[in-house]
Protein backbone atom coordinates (compact mmCIF):
# COMPACT_ATOMS: atom_id res chain seq x y z
CA UNK A 1 -24.46 -66.24 -12.53
CA UNK A 2 -27.56 -68.46 -12.93
CA UNK A 3 -30.87 -67.30 -11.57
CA UNK A 4 -33.54 -69.61 -10.20
CA UNK A 5 -34.36 -71.87 -7.32
CA UNK A 6 -32.62 -75.04 -6.32
CA UNK A 7 -34.49 -78.31 -6.00
CA UNK A 8 -34.08 -78.20 -2.23
CA UNK A 9 -35.63 -74.74 -2.00
CA UNK A 10 -38.59 -75.87 -4.09
CA UNK A 11 -39.10 -78.94 -1.88
CA UNK A 12 -39.02 -76.83 1.28
CA UNK A 13 -41.66 -74.48 -0.14
CA UNK A 14 -43.87 -77.41 -1.19
CA UNK A 15 -43.60 -79.02 2.26
CA UNK A 16 -44.45 -75.75 4.03
CA UNK A 17 -47.46 -75.21 1.74
CA UNK A 18 -48.59 -78.78 2.38
CA UNK A 19 -48.42 -78.26 6.13
CA UNK A 20 -50.39 -75.01 5.89
CA UNK A 21 -53.01 -76.71 3.71
CA UNK A 22 -53.25 -79.51 6.26
CA UNK A 23 -54.25 -76.96 8.88
CA UNK A 24 -56.65 -75.05 6.63
CA UNK A 25 -58.68 -77.87 5.02
CA UNK A 26 -60.36 -79.12 8.25
CA UNK A 27 -61.31 -75.56 9.17
CA UNK A 28 -62.88 -75.01 5.74
CA UNK A 29 -64.81 -78.30 5.97
CA UNK A 30 -66.08 -77.40 9.42
CA UNK A 31 -67.19 -73.95 8.28
CA UNK A 32 -68.89 -75.43 5.21
CA UNK A 33 -70.79 -78.02 7.25
CA UNK A 34 -71.91 -75.33 9.72
CA UNK A 35 -73.18 -73.22 6.82
CA UNK A 36 -75.01 -76.25 5.41
CA UNK A 37 -76.57 -76.93 8.82
CA UNK A 38 -77.72 -73.31 8.99
CA UNK A 39 -79.33 -73.79 5.57
CA UNK A 40 -81.21 -76.84 6.88
CA UNK A 41 -82.44 -74.89 9.92
CA UNK A 42 -83.57 -72.12 7.56
CA UNK A 43 -85.42 -74.70 5.45
CA UNK A 44 -87.10 -76.03 8.62
CA UNK A 45 -88.25 -72.52 9.49
CA UNK A 46 -89.61 -72.00 5.98
CA UNK A 47 -91.50 -75.29 6.19
CA UNK A 48 -92.87 -74.28 9.60
CA UNK A 49 -94.11 -70.98 8.15
CA UNK A 50 -95.70 -72.91 5.25
CA UNK A 51 -97.45 -75.29 7.67
CA UNK A 52 -98.71 -72.35 9.73
CA UNK A 53 -99.97 -70.58 6.60
CA UNK A 54 -101.73 -73.73 5.42
CA UNK A 55 -103.29 -74.21 8.84
CA UNK A 56 -104.41 -70.58 9.00
CA UNK A 57 -106.00 -70.68 5.53
CA UNK A 58 -107.66 -74.11 5.71
CA UNK A 59 -108.00 -74.69 9.47
CA UNK A 60 -106.35 -78.09 9.06
CA UNK A 61 -102.88 -79.56 9.10
CA UNK A 62 -101.29 -80.59 5.80
CA UNK A 63 -100.82 -84.27 5.14
CA UNK A 64 -97.34 -85.62 5.68
CA UNK A 65 -95.15 -87.05 2.95
CA UNK A 66 -92.34 -89.56 2.57
CA UNK A 67 -88.60 -88.95 2.69
CA UNK A 68 -87.50 -86.40 0.13
CA UNK A 69 -91.07 -85.76 -1.09
CA UNK A 70 -92.52 -82.25 -0.90
CA UNK A 71 -96.16 -82.42 0.25
CA UNK A 72 -98.15 -81.18 -2.77
CA UNK A 73 -100.56 -79.11 -0.68
CA UNK A 74 -97.65 -77.10 0.77
CA UNK A 75 -96.13 -76.15 -2.59
CA UNK A 76 -98.03 -72.87 -2.75
CA UNK A 77 -96.80 -71.92 0.73
CA UNK A 78 -93.12 -72.81 0.27
CA UNK A 79 -90.43 -70.62 -1.31
CA UNK A 80 -90.12 -71.17 -5.04
CA UNK A 81 -87.92 -74.13 -5.92
CA UNK A 82 -87.64 -75.47 -2.39
CA UNK A 83 -87.09 -79.23 -2.28
CA UNK A 84 -87.25 -81.72 0.56
CA UNK A 85 -83.67 -82.79 -0.15
CA UNK A 86 -80.36 -81.04 0.34
CA UNK A 87 -77.02 -82.61 -0.54
CA UNK A 88 -76.97 -85.99 1.27
CA UNK A 89 -80.00 -85.11 3.45
CA UNK A 90 -83.68 -85.86 3.03
CA UNK A 91 -86.60 -84.16 4.78
CA UNK A 92 -89.92 -85.71 5.78
CA UNK A 93 -92.99 -83.88 7.05
CA UNK A 94 -94.96 -85.89 9.60
CA UNK A 95 -98.46 -84.90 10.63
CA UNK A 96 -100.30 -86.39 13.58
CA UNK A 97 -103.76 -84.95 13.01
CA UNK A 98 -105.36 -86.44 16.13
CA UNK A 99 -102.70 -84.96 18.39
CA UNK A 100 -102.49 -81.78 16.34
CA UNK A 101 -98.73 -82.22 15.90
CA UNK A 102 -96.57 -81.58 12.89
CA UNK A 103 -92.84 -82.06 12.76
CA UNK A 104 -90.03 -82.20 10.25
CA UNK A 105 -87.48 -84.99 10.28
CA UNK A 106 -84.11 -84.55 8.58
CA UNK A 107 -82.30 -87.79 7.79
CA UNK A 108 -78.59 -88.01 7.03
CA UNK A 109 -75.93 -90.71 6.79
CA UNK A 110 -74.16 -91.70 10.00
CA UNK A 111 -71.08 -89.53 10.62
CA UNK A 112 -72.23 -86.97 8.07
CA UNK A 113 -70.55 -83.59 8.63
CA UNK A 114 -73.81 -81.69 8.15
CA UNK A 115 -75.56 -84.03 10.58
CA UNK A 116 -72.84 -83.48 13.15
CA UNK A 117 -73.21 -79.71 12.71
CA UNK A 118 -77.01 -80.01 13.09
CA UNK A 119 -76.49 -81.71 16.43
CA UNK A 120 -75.15 -78.44 17.78
CA UNK A 121 -78.64 -76.94 17.52
CA UNK A 122 -80.40 -77.70 20.79
CA UNK A 123 -83.66 -76.59 22.26
CA UNK A 124 -87.10 -77.76 23.27
CA UNK A 125 -88.23 -77.89 19.64
CA UNK A 126 -85.20 -79.80 18.26
CA UNK A 127 -84.19 -83.38 19.02
CA UNK A 128 -81.61 -85.53 17.27
CA UNK A 129 -79.97 -88.93 16.98
CA UNK A 130 -76.82 -89.95 15.06
CA UNK A 131 -78.77 -90.19 11.80
CA UNK A 132 -81.79 -87.91 12.23
CA UNK A 133 -82.74 -84.46 13.53
CA UNK A 134 -86.36 -83.62 14.32
CA UNK A 135 -87.79 -80.08 14.32
CA UNK A 136 -91.06 -79.92 16.26
CA UNK A 137 -93.49 -77.31 15.01
CA UNK A 138 -95.43 -75.53 17.76
CA UNK A 139 -99.07 -75.25 16.81
């Protein structure tokens, strides 16, 4: 008597595994993008703490910087190795000295999964469009 699986049995197993993977992959992508969005929110909080520390020490707001550029004067206040980019996203610090406002903009490609996950964060200090989320820092 021969032992082993028939070709039909192998095909059935492969089809069942394919169907299960089809259900699992979107869930994993969704969970990953939510985790990435949480990382961006954490970065925004760290930048807010850095801006507040800078303001407390120097009684002034730090100068803003372009997309993906870490403001040099904030480097000492930010966690070590923090960059103003993350995956397909770029951050930009904007300072309006006359109004006393500082905010962080996060730019992402249209239909980006992380951007879509960021749009779930709502509140008076967060606004968003299809390609950008803004975190307003309360002074």
